C-alpha atoms as a PDB file:
ATOM      1  CA  MET A   1     106.572  78.078 115.056  1.00  0.00           C
ATOM      2  CA  ASP A   2     106.228  80.428 112.130  1.00  0.00           C
ATOM      3  CA  GLU A   3     109.861  81.178 111.195  1.00  0.00           C
ATOM      4  CA  LEU A   4     108.933  84.546 109.675  1.00  0.00           C
ATOM      5  CA  LEU A   5     107.462  85.740 112.971  1.00  0.00           C
ATOM      6  CA  ALA A   6     110.295  84.490 115.195  1.00  0.00           C
ATOM      7  CA  GLU A   7     112.146  87.011 117.359  1.00  0.00           C
ATOM      8  CA  TYR A   8     115.253  88.691 115.918  1.00  0.00           C
ATOM      9  CA  VAL A   9     118.167  90.252 117.797  1.00  0.00           C
ATOM     10  CA  VAL A  10     120.890  92.543 116.433  1.00  0.00           C
ATOM     11  CA  ILE A  11     124.352  92.155 117.952  1.00  0.00           C
ATOM     12  CA  LYS A  12     127.046  94.790 117.356  1.00  0.00           C
ATOM     13  CA  ALA A  13     130.574  93.986 118.546  1.00  0.00           C
ATOM     14  CA  LEU A  14     132.221  96.733 120.605  1.00  0.00           C
ATOM     15  CA  GLU A  15     135.586  94.902 120.638  1.00  0.00           C
ATOM     16  CA  ASP A  16     137.409  92.291 118.567  1.00  0.00           C
ATOM     17  CA  GLY A  17     136.649  88.643 119.305  1.00  0.00           C
ATOM     18  CA  VAL A  18     133.019  88.826 120.452  1.00  0.00           C
ATOM     19  CA  THR A  19     131.593  85.294 120.372  1.00  0.00           C
ATOM     20  CA  ILE A  20     127.963  84.502 119.615  1.00  0.00           C
ATOM     21  CA  ILE A  21     126.749  81.002 120.405  1.00  0.00           C
ATOM     22  CA  GLY A  22     123.401  79.490 119.403  1.00  0.00           C
ATOM     23  CA  LEU A  23     121.886  76.975 121.825  1.00  0.00           C
ATOM     24  CA  THR A  24     119.454  74.240 120.828  1.00  0.00           C
ATOM     25  CA  ARG A  25     115.886  73.739 121.944  1.00  0.00           C
ATOM     26  CA  GLY A  26     114.747  70.435 123.454  1.00  0.00           C
ATOM     27  CA  ASP A  27     115.394  68.042 126.338  1.00  0.00           C
ATOM     28  CA  ALA A  28     119.145  68.728 126.400  1.00  0.00           C
ATOM     29  CA  THR A  29     120.380  72.236 125.591  1.00  0.00           C
ATOM     30  CA  ARG A  30     123.505  72.081 123.414  1.00  0.00           C
ATOM     31  CA  PHE A  31     125.692  74.447 121.434  1.00  0.00           C
ATOM     32  CA  HIS A  32     124.834  74.204 117.743  1.00  0.00           C
ATOM     33  CA  HIS A  33     126.534  77.212 116.124  1.00  0.00           C
ATOM     34  CA  SER A  34     129.080  79.890 116.953  1.00  0.00           C
ATOM     35  CA  GLU A  35     130.390  83.018 115.275  1.00  0.00           C
ATOM     36  CA  LYS A  36     133.173  85.485 116.076  1.00  0.00           C
ATOM     37  CA  LEU A  37     132.740  89.193 115.414  1.00  0.00           C
ATOM     38  CA  ASP A  38     135.353  91.931 115.331  1.00  0.00           C
ATOM     39  CA  LYS A  39     134.759  95.489 116.502  1.00  0.00           C
ATOM     40  CA  GLY A  40     132.044  97.188 114.475  1.00  0.00           C
ATOM     41  CA  GLU A  41     130.709  93.990 112.909  1.00  0.00           C
ATOM     42  CA  VAL A  42     126.987  93.306 113.221  1.00  0.00           C
ATOM     43  CA  MET A  43     125.084  90.032 113.239  1.00  0.00           C
ATOM     44  CA  ILE A  44     121.331  89.631 112.990  1.00  0.00           C
ATOM     45  CA  ALA A  45     120.210  86.436 114.728  1.00  0.00           C
ATOM     46  CA  GLN A  46     116.823  84.773 114.950  1.00  0.00           C
ATOM     47  CA  PHE A  47     115.184  82.502 117.486  1.00  0.00           C
ATOM     48  CA  THR A  48     113.812  79.479 115.605  1.00  0.00           C
ATOM     49  CA  SER A  49     112.359  76.047 116.233  1.00  0.00           C
ATOM     50  CA  ASN A  50     115.986  74.879 116.616  1.00  0.00           C
ATOM     51  CA  THR A  51     117.468  77.882 118.491  1.00  0.00           C
ATOM     52  CA  SER A  52     116.102  78.577 121.969  1.00  0.00           C
ATOM     53  CA  ALA A  53     118.875  80.826 123.299  1.00  0.00           C
ATOM     54  CA  ILE A  54     121.748  82.977 122.103  1.00  0.00           C
ATOM     55  CA  LYS A  55     124.820  83.533 124.271  1.00  0.00           C
ATOM     56  CA  VAL A  56     127.072  86.566 123.713  1.00  0.00           C
ATOM     57  CA  ARG A  57     130.595  86.608 125.146  1.00  0.00           C
ATOM     58  CA  GLY A  58     132.489  89.912 125.024  1.00  0.00           C
ATOM     59  CA  LYS A  59     131.552  93.591 124.775  1.00  0.00           C
ATOM     60  CA  ALA A  60     128.568  94.095 122.502  1.00  0.00           C
ATOM     61  CA  ASP A  61     125.327  96.002 122.102  1.00  0.00           C
ATOM     62  CA  ILE A  62     122.388  93.627 121.766  1.00  0.00           C
ATOM     63  CA  GLN A  63     119.245  95.192 120.336  1.00  0.00           C
ATOM     64  CA  THR A  64     115.865  93.528 120.797  1.00  0.00           C
ATOM     65  CA  ARG A  65     112.294  94.713 120.559  1.00  0.00           C
ATOM     66  CA  HIS A  66     112.552  95.177 124.344  1.00  0.00           C
ATOM     67  CA  GLY A  67     115.487  97.610 124.138  1.00  0.00           C
ATOM     68  CA  VAL A  68     119.299  97.570 124.081  1.00  0.00           C
ATOM     69  CA  ILE A  69     121.407  95.444 126.427  1.00  0.00           C
ATOM     70  CA  LYS A  70     125.173  95.807 126.822  1.00  0.00           C
ATOM     71  CA  SER A  71     127.203  92.650 127.351  1.00  0.00           C
ATOM     72  CA  GLY A  72     130.730  92.302 128.711  1.00  0.00           C
ATOM     73  CA  LYS A  73     132.591  93.904 131.546  1.00  0.00           C
ATOM     74  CA  GLU A  74     132.091  97.629 132.044  1.00  0.00           C
END
């Protein structure tokens, strides 16, 4: 996979303590990295040959090339 062409997502925390977890690619999906964001903080994440999924726990706006998704309880 060409790392420069991999999909990016932008995650903006709408509350303190939003958790972002990177999940591995392969036979067994595992957690490989996590970050905590406070309200207003932004993280830009990328899908790579090692990262197949990104889990967001808490209230956040997640921007992708497909649009904006809101996570967390309404």
